[in-house]
């Protein structure tokens, strides 16, 4: 689990990496991606996607695509209508 505020290190590993040369260049620039990690939804992501800082079950559809890479997961603290945390929602992709 990445601590709150620690930057995710897998953003460079995407569909644009189509050649070994491009992979090597990005690897040298950004370092190794952290496979098997779970990153919490940040406040900025919640505001951007849901328009609120504290997401609820009603916001799952708008944050669902934040888990877009294999071997990475996401989690979000879900709140009730009073803003009280009620559960942690995990989602993502295995590498299988």
PDB file of N, CA and C in Angstrom:
ATOM      1  N   UNK A   1       0.853  -1.170   0.000  1.00  0.00           N
ATOM      2  CA  UNK A   1       0.000   0.000   0.000  1.00  0.00           C
ATOM      3  C   UNK A   1       0.898   1.233   0.000  1.00  0.00           C
ATOM      4  N   UNK A   2       0.654   2.128  -0.906  1.00  0.00           N
ATOM      5  CA  UNK A   2       1.425   3.365  -0.955  1.00  0.00           C
ATOM      6  C   UNK A   2       0.909   4.318   0.118  1.00  0.00           C
ATOM      7  N   UNK A   3       1.808   4.918   0.889  1.00  0.00           N
ATOM      8  CA  UNK A   3       1.376   5.893   1.896  1.00  0.00           C
ATOM      9  C   UNK A   3       0.713   7.098   1.236  1.00  0.00           C
ATOM     10  N   UNK A   4      -0.169   7.743   1.974  1.00  0.00           N
ATOM     11  CA  UNK A   4      -0.849   8.926   1.471  1.00  0.00           C
ATOM     12  C   UNK A   4       0.186   9.961   1.052  1.00  0.00           C
ATOM     13  N   UNK A   5       0.051  10.472  -0.139  1.00  0.00           N
ATOM     14  CA  UNK A   5       0.958  11.485  -0.645  1.00  0.00           C
ATOM     15  C   UNK A   5       2.150  10.945  -1.416  1.00  0.00           C
ATOM     16  N   UNK A   6       2.443   9.645  -1.307  1.00  0.00           N
ATOM     17  CA  UNK A   6       3.561   9.096  -2.086  1.00  0.00           C
ATOM     18  C   UNK A   6       3.133   8.957  -3.539  1.00  0.00           C
ATOM     19  N   UNK A   7       3.927   9.477  -4.464  1.00  0.00           N
ATOM     20  CA  UNK A   7       3.516   9.417  -5.871  1.00  0.00           C
ATOM     21  C   UNK A   7       3.501   7.992  -6.398  1.00  0.00           C
ATOM     22  N   UNK A   8       2.550   7.724  -7.258  1.00  0.00           N
ATOM     23  CA  UNK A   8       2.479   6.425  -7.916  1.00  0.00           C
ATOM     24  C   UNK A   8       3.589   6.354  -8.943  1.00  0.00           C
ATOM     25  N   UNK A   9       4.228   5.204  -9.049  1.00  0.00           N
ATOM     26  CA  UNK A   9       5.379   5.080  -9.926  1.00  0.00           C
ATOM     27  C   UNK A   9       5.105   4.178 -11.121  1.00  0.00           C
ATOM     28  N   UNK A  10       3.848   4.067 -11.505  1.00  0.00           N
ATOM     29  CA  UNK A  10       3.549   3.193 -12.637  1.00  0.00           C
ATOM     30  C   UNK A  10       2.918   3.920 -13.803  1.00  0.00           C
ATOM     31  N   UNK A  11       2.765   5.213 -13.716  1.00  0.00           N
ATOM     32  CA  UNK A  11       2.080   5.947 -14.767  1.00  0.00           C
ATOM     33  C   UNK A  11       2.771   5.906 -16.115  1.00  0.00           C
ATOM     34  N   UNK A  12       4.082   5.706 -16.126  1.00  0.00           N
ATOM     35  CA  UNK A  12       4.809   5.692 -17.399  1.00  0.00           C
ATOM     36  C   UNK A  12       4.639   4.378 -18.139  1.00  0.00           C
ATOM     37  N   UNK A  13       4.169   3.345 -17.473  1.00  0.00           N
ATOM     38  CA  UNK A  13       4.028   2.040 -18.110  1.00  0.00           C
ATOM     39  C   UNK A  13       2.639   1.962 -18.727  1.00  0.00           C
ATOM     40  N   UNK A  14       2.524   2.325 -19.997  1.00  0.00           N
ATOM     41  CA  UNK A  14       1.221   2.374 -20.632  1.00  0.00           C
ATOM     42  C   UNK A  14       1.286   1.825 -22.051  1.00  0.00           C
ATOM     43  N   UNK A  15       0.189   1.916 -22.734  1.00  0.00           N
ATOM     44  CA  UNK A  15       0.100   1.357 -24.087  1.00  0.00           C
ATOM     45  C   UNK A  15       1.042   2.040 -25.063  1.00  0.00           C
ATOM     46  N   UNK A  16       1.533   3.243 -24.728  1.00  0.00           N
ATOM     47  CA  UNK A  16       2.449   3.949 -25.626  1.00  0.00           C
ATOM     48  C   UNK A  16       3.833   3.311 -25.652  1.00  0.00           C
ATOM     49  N   UNK A  17       4.110   2.430 -24.696  1.00  0.00           N
ATOM     50  CA  UNK A  17       5.399   1.734 -24.682  1.00  0.00           C
ATOM     51  C   UNK A  17       5.277   0.554 -25.644  1.00  0.00           C
ATOM     52  N   UNK A  18       5.676   0.787 -26.889  1.00  0.00           N
ATOM     53  CA  UNK A  18       5.484  -0.222 -27.936  1.00  0.00           C
ATOM     54  C   UNK A  18       6.782  -0.834 -28.425  1.00  0.00           C
ATOM     55  N   UNK A  19       7.907  -0.370 -27.906  1.00  0.00           N
ATOM     56  CA  UNK A  19       9.181  -0.923 -28.358  1.00  0.00           C
ATOM     57  C   UNK A  19      10.132  -1.066 -27.182  1.00  0.00           C
ATOM     58  N   UNK A  20      11.090  -1.983 -27.293  1.00  0.00           N
ATOM     59  CA  UNK A  20      12.090  -2.109 -26.223  1.00  0.00           C
ATOM     60  C   UNK A  20      12.858  -0.809 -25.993  1.00  0.00           C
ATOM     61  N   UNK A  21      13.118  -0.053 -27.072  1.00  0.00           N
ATOM     62  CA  UNK A  21      13.825   1.215 -26.928  1.00  0.00           C
ATOM     63  C   UNK A  21      13.027   2.185 -26.055  1.00  0.00           C
ATOM     64  N   UNK A  22      11.719   2.300 -26.321  1.00  0.00           N
ATOM     65  CA  UNK A  22      10.874   3.207 -25.544  1.00  0.00           C
ATOM     66  C   UNK A  22      10.785   2.744 -24.093  1.00  0.00           C
ATOM     67  N   UNK A  23      10.660   1.447 -23.873  1.00  0.00           N
ATOM     68  CA  UNK A  23      10.629   0.922 -22.505  1.00  0.00           C
ATOM     69  C   UNK A  23      11.922   1.277 -21.777  1.00  0.00           C
ATOM     70  N   UNK A  24      13.067   1.037 -22.411  1.00  0.00           N
ATOM     71  CA  UNK A  24      14.361   1.327 -21.787  1.00  0.00           C
ATOM     72  C   UNK A  24      14.503   2.817 -21.473  1.00  0.00           C
ATOM     73  N   UNK A  25      14.051   3.669 -22.398  1.00  0.00           N
ATOM     74  CA  UNK A  25      14.139   5.108 -22.174  1.00  0.00           C
ATOM     75  C   UNK A  25      13.296   5.522 -20.968  1.00  0.00           C
ATOM     76  N   UNK A  26      12.075   5.051 -20.916  1.00  0.00           N
ATOM     77  CA  UNK A  26      11.198   5.421 -19.808  1.00  0.00           C
ATOM     78  C   UNK A  26      11.679   4.814 -18.492  1.00  0.00           C
ATOM     79  N   UNK A  27      12.194   3.588 -18.557  1.00  0.00           N
ATOM     80  CA  UNK A  27      12.711   2.946 -17.351  1.00  0.00           C
ATOM     81  C   UNK A  27      13.866   3.774 -16.784  1.00  0.00           C
ATOM     82  N   UNK A  28      14.777   4.224 -17.665  1.00  0.00           N
ATOM     83  CA  UNK A  28      15.917   5.031 -17.221  1.00  0.00           C
ATOM     84  C   UNK A  28      15.460   6.357 -16.621  1.00  0.00           C
ATOM     85  N   UNK A  29      14.408   6.918 -17.183  1.00  0.00           N
ATOM     86  CA  UNK A  29      13.917   8.216 -16.720  1.00  0.00           C
ATOM     87  C   UNK A  29      13.124   8.128 -15.427  1.00  0.00           C
ATOM     88  N   UNK A  30      12.292   7.084 -15.287  1.00  0.00           N
ATOM     89  CA  UNK A  30      11.342   7.022 -14.169  1.00  0.00           C
ATOM     90  C   UNK A  30      11.620   5.934 -13.149  1.00  0.00           C
ATOM     91  N   UNK A  31      12.456   4.974 -13.477  1.00  0.00           N
ATOM     92  CA  UNK A  31      12.691   3.872 -12.562  1.00  0.00           C
ATOM     93  C   UNK A  31      11.697   2.740 -12.781  1.00  0.00           C
ATOM     94  N   UNK A  32      11.852   1.717 -11.999  1.00  0.00           N
ATOM     95  CA  UNK A  32      11.009   0.533 -12.147  1.00  0.00           C
ATOM     96  C   UNK A  32       9.611   0.787 -11.588  1.00  0.00           C
ATOM     97  N   UNK A  33       8.568   0.389 -12.326  1.00  0.00           N
ATOM     98  CA  UNK A  33       7.211   0.538 -11.783  1.00  0.00           C
ATOM     99  C   UNK A  33       7.017  -0.413 -10.611  1.00  0.00           C
ATOM    100  N   UNK A  34       6.195  -0.032  -9.683  1.00  0.00           N
ATOM    101  CA  UNK A  34       5.954  -0.848  -8.501  1.00  0.00           C
ATOM    102  C   UNK A  34       4.744  -1.742  -8.720  1.00  0.00           C
ATOM    103  N   UNK A  35       4.985  -2.926  -9.254  1.00  0.00           N
ATOM    104  CA  UNK A  35       3.914  -3.889  -9.479  1.00  0.00           C
ATOM    105  C   UNK A  35       3.372  -4.387  -8.138  1.00  0.00           C
ATOM    106  N   UNK A  36       2.105  -4.734  -8.147  1.00  0.00           N
ATOM    107  CA  UNK A  36       1.496  -5.313  -6.965  1.00  0.00           C
ATOM    108  C   UNK A  36       1.195  -4.315  -5.861  1.00  0.00           C
ATOM    109  N   UNK A  37       1.124  -3.037  -6.178  1.00  0.00           N
ATOM    110  CA  UNK A  37       0.806  -2.043  -5.163  1.00  0.00           C
ATOM    111  C   UNK A  37      -0.644  -1.603  -5.287  1.00  0.00           C
ATOM    112  N   UNK A  38      -1.129  -1.051  -4.205  1.00  0.00           N
ATOM    113  CA  UNK A  38      -2.478  -0.498  -4.174  1.00  0.00           C
ATOM    114  C   UNK A  38      -2.351   0.962  -3.775  1.00  0.00           C
ATOM    115  N   UNK A  39      -2.868   1.838  -4.596  1.00  0.00           N
ATOM    116  CA  UNK A  39      -2.786   3.274  -4.330  1.00  0.00           C
ATOM    117  C   UNK A  39      -4.156   3.810  -3.948  1.00  0.00           C
ATOM    118  N   UNK A  40      -4.231   4.556  -2.852  1.00  0.00           N
ATOM    119  CA  UNK A  40      -5.513   5.147  -2.480  1.00  0.00           C
ATOM    120  C   UNK A  40      -5.909   6.273  -3.432  1.00  0.00           C
ATOM    121  N   UNK A  41      -7.192   6.458  -3.590  1.00  0.00           N
ATOM    122  CA  UNK A  41      -7.699   7.585  -4.374  1.00  0.00           C
ATOM    123  C   UNK A  41      -7.319   8.857  -3.622  1.00  0.00           C
ATOM    124  N   UNK A  42      -6.686   9.765  -4.330  1.00  0.00           N
ATOM    125  CA  UNK A  42      -6.264  11.006  -3.689  1.00  0.00           C
ATOM    126  C   UNK A  42      -7.425  11.997  -3.620  1.00  0.00           C
ATOM    127  N   UNK A  43      -7.263  12.998  -2.791  1.00  0.00           N
ATOM    128  CA  UNK A  43      -8.276  14.048  -2.692  1.00  0.00           C
ATOM    129  C   UNK A  43      -8.449  14.734  -4.039  1.00  0.00           C
ATOM    130  N   UNK A  44      -7.335  14.984  -4.731  1.00  0.00           N
ATOM    131  CA  UNK A  44      -7.409  15.637  -6.046  1.00  0.00           C
ATOM    132  C   UNK A  44      -8.189  14.773  -7.039  1.00  0.00           C
ATOM    133  N   UNK A  45      -7.954  13.462  -7.026  1.00  0.00           N
ATOM    134  CA  UNK A  45      -8.690  12.566  -7.923  1.00  0.00           C
ATOM    135  C   UNK A  45     -10.171  12.561  -7.575  1.00  0.00           C
ATOM    136  N   UNK A  46     -10.500  12.523  -6.285  1.00  0.00           N
ATOM    137  CA  UNK A  46     -11.903  12.530  -5.863  1.00  0.00           C
ATOM    138  C   UNK A  46     -12.597  13.812  -6.315  1.00  0.00           C
ATOM    139  N   UNK A  47     -11.921  14.940  -6.126  1.00  0.00           N
ATOM    140  CA  UNK A  47     -12.504  16.213  -6.560  1.00  0.00           C
ATOM    141  C   UNK A  47     -12.672  16.263  -8.073  1.00  0.00           C
ATOM    142  N   UNK A  48     -11.667  15.779  -8.795  1.00  0.00           N
ATOM    143  CA  UNK A  48     -11.725  15.807 -10.257  1.00  0.00           C
ATOM    144  C   UNK A  48     -12.828  14.905 -10.793  1.00  0.00           C
ATOM    145  N   UNK A  49     -12.950  13.714 -10.242  1.00  0.00           N
ATOM    146  CA  UNK A  49     -13.906  12.739 -10.771  1.00  0.00           C
ATOM    147  C   UNK A  49     -15.313  12.897 -10.210  1.00  0.00           C
ATOM    148  N   UNK A  50     -15.417  13.128  -8.888  1.00  0.00           N
ATOM    149  CA  UNK A  50     -16.730  13.113  -8.229  1.00  0.00           C
ATOM    150  C   UNK A  50     -17.197  14.493  -7.781  1.00  0.00           C
ATOM    151  N   UNK A  51     -16.269  15.457  -7.768  1.00  0.00           N
ATOM    152  CA  UNK A  51     -16.644  16.792  -7.323  1.00  0.00           C
ATOM    153  C   UNK A  51     -16.723  16.937  -5.817  1.00  0.00           C
ATOM    154  N   UNK A  52     -16.261  15.932  -5.088  1.00  0.00           N
ATOM    155  CA  UNK A  52     -16.268  15.954  -3.620  1.00  0.00           C
ATOM    156  C   UNK A  52     -14.946  15.398  -3.112  1.00  0.00           C
ATOM    157  N   UNK A  53     -14.616  15.723  -1.861  1.00  0.00           N
ATOM    158  CA  UNK A  53     -13.404  15.171  -1.258  1.00  0.00           C
ATOM    159  C   UNK A  53     -13.644  13.799  -0.660  1.00  0.00           C
ATOM    160  N   UNK A  54     -14.860  13.539  -0.197  1.00  0.00           N
ATOM    161  CA  UNK A  54     -15.198  12.272   0.463  1.00  0.00           C
ATOM    162  C   UNK A  54     -16.177  11.505  -0.415  1.00  0.00           C
ATOM    163  N   UNK A  55     -15.686  10.449  -1.043  1.00  0.00           N
ATOM    164  CA  UNK A  55     -16.525   9.680  -1.957  1.00  0.00           C
ATOM    165  C   UNK A  55     -17.424   8.709  -1.196  1.00  0.00           C
ATOM    166  N   UNK A  56     -18.543   8.391  -1.830  1.00  0.00           N
ATOM    167  CA  UNK A  56     -19.507   7.434  -1.286  1.00  0.00           C
ATOM    168  C   UNK A  56     -19.696   6.316  -2.308  1.00  0.00           C
ATOM    169  N   UNK A  57     -20.527   5.353  -1.968  1.00  0.00           N
ATOM    170  CA  UNK A  57     -20.834   4.278  -2.931  1.00  0.00           C
ATOM    171  C   UNK A  57     -21.426   4.844  -4.224  1.00  0.00           C
ATOM    172  N   UNK A  58     -22.104   5.959  -4.128  1.00  0.00           N
ATOM    173  CA  UNK A  58     -22.703   6.575  -5.320  1.00  0.00           C
ATOM    174  C   UNK A  58     -21.656   7.060  -6.314  1.00  0.00           C
ATOM    175  N   UNK A  59     -20.408   7.203  -5.889  1.00  0.00           N
ATOM    176  CA  UNK A  59     -19.347   7.703  -6.756  1.00  0.00           C
ATOM    177  C   UNK A  59     -18.500   6.602  -7.396  1.00  0.00           C
ATOM    178  N   UNK A  60     -18.792   5.348  -7.114  1.00  0.00           N
ATOM    179  CA  UNK A  60     -17.944   4.256  -7.608  1.00  0.00           C
ATOM    180  C   UNK A  60     -17.806   4.259  -9.128  1.00  0.00           C
ATOM    181  N   UNK A  61     -18.863   4.551  -9.821  1.00  0.00           N
ATOM    182  CA  UNK A  61     -18.813   4.527 -11.284  1.00  0.00           C
ATOM    183  C   UNK A  61     -17.817   5.551 -11.841  1.00  0.00           C
ATOM    184  N   UNK A  62     -17.694   6.705 -11.205  1.00  0.00           N
ATOM    185  CA  UNK A  62     -16.814   7.746 -11.745  1.00  0.00           C
ATOM    186  C   UNK A  62     -15.349   7.570 -11.348  1.00  0.00           C
ATOM    187  N   UNK A  63     -15.075   6.721 -10.352  1.00  0.00           N
ATOM    188  CA  UNK A  63     -13.678   6.469  -9.982  1.00  0.00           C
ATOM    189  C   UNK A  63     -13.188   5.111 -10.462  1.00  0.00           C
ATOM    190  N   UNK A  64     -14.084   4.299 -10.978  1.00  0.00           N
ATOM    191  CA  UNK A  64     -13.744   2.920 -11.348  1.00  0.00           C
ATOM    192  C   UNK A  64     -12.584   2.823 -12.336  1.00  0.00           C
ATOM    193  N   UNK A  65     -12.489   3.721 -13.291  1.00  0.00           N
ATOM    194  CA  UNK A  65     -11.434   3.604 -14.297  1.00  0.00           C
ATOM    195  C   UNK A  65     -10.075   4.112 -13.818  1.00  0.00           C
ATOM    196  N   UNK A  66      -9.970   4.511 -12.549  1.00  0.00           N
ATOM    197  CA  UNK A  66      -8.661   4.878 -12.006  1.00  0.00           C
ATOM    198  C   UNK A  66      -7.734   3.667 -11.886  1.00  0.00           C
ATOM    199  N   UNK A  67      -8.296   2.482 -11.843  1.00  0.00           N
ATOM    200  CA  UNK A  67      -7.489   1.253 -11.861  1.00  0.00           C
ATOM    201  C   UNK A  67      -7.441   0.791 -13.305  1.00  0.00           C
ATOM    202  N   UNK A  68      -6.382   1.160 -14.003  1.00  0.00           N
ATOM    203  CA  UNK A  68      -6.343   0.904 -15.440  1.00  0.00           C
ATOM    204  C   UNK A  68      -5.201   0.011 -15.884  1.00  0.00           C
ATOM    205  N   UNK A  69      -4.329  -0.389 -14.980  1.00  0.00           N
ATOM    206  CA  UNK A  69      -3.172  -1.185 -15.357  1.00  0.00           C
ATOM    207  C   UNK A  69      -3.191  -2.536 -14.677  1.00  0.00           C
ATOM    208  N   UNK A  70      -2.704  -3.541 -15.357  1.00  0.00           N
ATOM    209  CA  UNK A  70      -2.576  -4.870 -14.760  1.00  0.00           C
ATOM    210  C   UNK A  70      -1.544  -4.826 -13.637  1.00  0.00           C
ATOM    211  N   UNK A  71      -1.781  -5.596 -12.608  1.00  0.00           N
ATOM    212  CA  UNK A  71      -0.897  -5.745 -11.445  1.00  0.00           C
ATOM    213  C   UNK A  71      -0.918  -4.539 -10.511  1.00  0.00           C
ATOM    214  N   UNK A  72      -1.876  -3.649 -10.671  1.00  0.00           N
ATOM    215  CA  UNK A  72      -2.024  -2.511  -9.773  1.00  0.00           C
ATOM    216  C   UNK A  72      -3.461  -2.440  -9.301  1.00  0.00           C
ATOM    217  N   UNK A  73      -3.643  -1.998  -8.076  1.00  0.00           N
ATOM    218  CA  UNK A  73      -4.987  -1.834  -7.550  1.00  0.00           C
ATOM    219  C   UNK A  73      -5.178  -0.443  -6.985  1.00  0.00           C
ATOM    220  N   UNK A  74      -6.403  -0.146  -6.682  1.00  0.00           N
ATOM    221  CA  UNK A  74      -6.765   1.122  -6.069  1.00  0.00           C
ATOM    222  C   UNK A  74      -7.659   0.835  -4.871  1.00  0.00           C
ATOM    223  N   UNK A  75      -7.768   1.793  -3.996  1.00  0.00           N
ATOM    224  CA  UNK A  75      -8.709   1.697  -2.890  1.00  0.00           C
ATOM    225  C   UNK A  75      -9.260   3.090  -2.599  1.00  0.00           C
ATOM    226  N   UNK A  76     -10.422   3.121  -2.016  1.00  0.00           N
ATOM    227  CA  UNK A  76     -11.046   4.382  -1.641  1.00  0.00           C
ATOM    228  C   UNK A  76     -11.794   4.186  -0.334  1.00  0.00           C
ATOM    229  N   UNK A  77     -11.639   5.119   0.570  1.00  0.00           N
ATOM    230  CA  UNK A  77     -12.444   5.125   1.779  1.00  0.00           C
ATOM    231  C   UNK A  77     -13.800   5.678   1.387  1.00  0.00           C
ATOM    232  N   UNK A  78     -14.837   4.886   1.594  1.00  0.00           N
ATOM    233  CA  UNK A  78     -16.194   5.331   1.261  1.00  0.00           C
ATOM    234  C   UNK A  78     -16.863   5.876   2.511  1.00  0.00           C
ATOM    235  N   UNK A  79     -17.608   6.942   2.339  1.00  0.00           N
ATOM    236  CA  UNK A  79     -18.257   7.640   3.442  1.00  0.00           C
ATOM    237  C   UNK A  79     -19.775   7.546   3.315  1.00  0.00           C
ATOM    238  N   UNK A  80     -20.458   7.695   4.448  1.00  0.00           N
ATOM    239  CA  UNK A  80     -21.917   7.769   4.394  1.00  0.00           C
ATOM    240  C   UNK A  80     -22.315   9.218   4.084  1.00  0.00           C
ATOM    241  N   UNK A  81     -23.598   9.484   4.050  1.00  0.00           N
ATOM    242  CA  UNK A  81     -24.078  10.817   3.666  1.00  0.00           C
ATOM    243  C   UNK A  81     -23.696  11.898   4.677  1.00  0.00           C
ATOM    244  N   UNK A  82     -23.331  11.494   5.905  1.00  0.00           N
ATOM    245  CA  UNK A  82     -22.892  12.449   6.922  1.00  0.00           C
ATOM    246  C   UNK A  82     -21.383  12.687   6.863  1.00  0.00           C
ATOM    247  N   UNK A  83     -20.703  12.009   5.941  1.00  0.00           N
ATOM    248  CA  UNK A  83     -19.252  12.177   5.813  1.00  0.00           C
ATOM    249  C   UNK A  83     -18.426  11.288   6.714  1.00  0.00           C
ATOM    250  N   UNK A  84     -19.082  10.292   7.325  1.00  0.00           N
ATOM    251  CA  UNK A  84     -18.381   9.363   8.213  1.00  0.00           C
ATOM    252  C   UNK A  84     -17.843   8.189   7.395  1.00  0.00           C
ATOM    253  N   UNK A  85     -16.545   7.831   7.556  1.00  0.00           N
ATOM    254  CA  UNK A  85     -16.011   6.683   6.821  1.00  0.00           C
ATOM    255  C   UNK A  85     -16.720   5.402   7.256  1.00  0.00           C
ATOM    256  N   UNK A  86     -17.133   4.607   6.262  1.00  0.00           N
ATOM    257  CA  UNK A  86     -17.872   3.385   6.582  1.00  0.00           C
ATOM    258  C   UNK A  86     -17.223   2.112   6.053  1.00  0.00           C
ATOM    259  N   UNK A  87     -16.430   2.229   4.993  1.00  0.00           N
ATOM    260  CA  UNK A  87     -15.802   1.034   4.425  1.00  0.00           C
ATOM    261  C   UNK A  87     -14.645   1.424   3.515  1.00  0.00           C
ATOM    262  N   UNK A  88     -13.831   0.446   3.194  1.00  0.00           N
ATOM    263  CA  UNK A  88     -12.755   0.658   2.224  1.00  0.00           C
ATOM    264  C   UNK A  88     -13.071  -0.207   1.015  1.00  0.00           C
ATOM    265  N   UNK A  89     -13.075   0.395  -0.128  1.00  0.00           N
ATOM    266  CA  UNK A  89     -13.392  -0.275  -1.392  1.00  0.00           C
ATOM    267  C   UNK A  89     -12.086  -0.512  -2.150  1.00  0.00           C
ATOM    268  N   UNK A  90     -11.813  -1.768  -2.486  1.00  0.00           N
ATOM    269  CA  UNK A  90     -10.633  -2.145  -3.266  1.00  0.00           C
ATOM    270  C   UNK A  90     -11.063  -2.623  -4.634  1.00  0.00           C
ATOM    271  N   UNK A  91     -10.310  -2.267  -5.678  1.00  0.00           N
ATOM    272  CA  UNK A  91     -10.549  -2.776  -7.006  1.00  0.00           C
ATOM    273  C   UNK A  91      -9.271  -2.693  -7.817  1.00  0.00           C
ATOM    274  N   UNK A  92      -9.225  -3.421  -8.914  1.00  0.00           N
ATOM    275  CA  UNK A  92      -8.046  -3.380  -9.771  1.00  0.00           C
ATOM    276  C   UNK A  92      -7.977  -4.575 -10.682  1.00  0.00           C
ATOM    277  N   UNK A  93      -6.757  -4.850 -11.172  1.00  0.00           N
ATOM    278  CA  UNK A  93      -6.548  -5.885 -12.171  1.00  0.00           C
ATOM    279  C   UNK A  93      -5.422  -6.816 -11.740  1.00  0.00           C
ATOM    280  N   UNK A  94      -5.640  -8.099 -11.898  1.00  0.00           N
ATOM    281  CA  UNK A  94      -4.519  -9.026 -11.718  1.00  0.00           C
ATOM    282  C   UNK A  94      -3.740  -9.048 -13.022  1.00  0.00           C
ATOM    283  N   UNK A  95      -2.642  -9.708 -13.043  1.00  0.00           N
ATOM    284  CA  UNK A  95      -1.837  -9.774 -14.264  1.00  0.00           C
ATOM    285  C   UNK A  95      -2.152 -10.984 -15.096  1.00  0.00           C
ATOM    286  N   UNK A  96      -3.104 -11.781 -14.637  1.00  0.00           N
ATOM    287  CA  UNK A  96      -3.425 -13.023 -15.351  1.00  0.00           C
ATOM    288  C   UNK A  96      -4.122 -12.756 -16.658  1.00  0.00           C
TER     289      UNK A  96
END
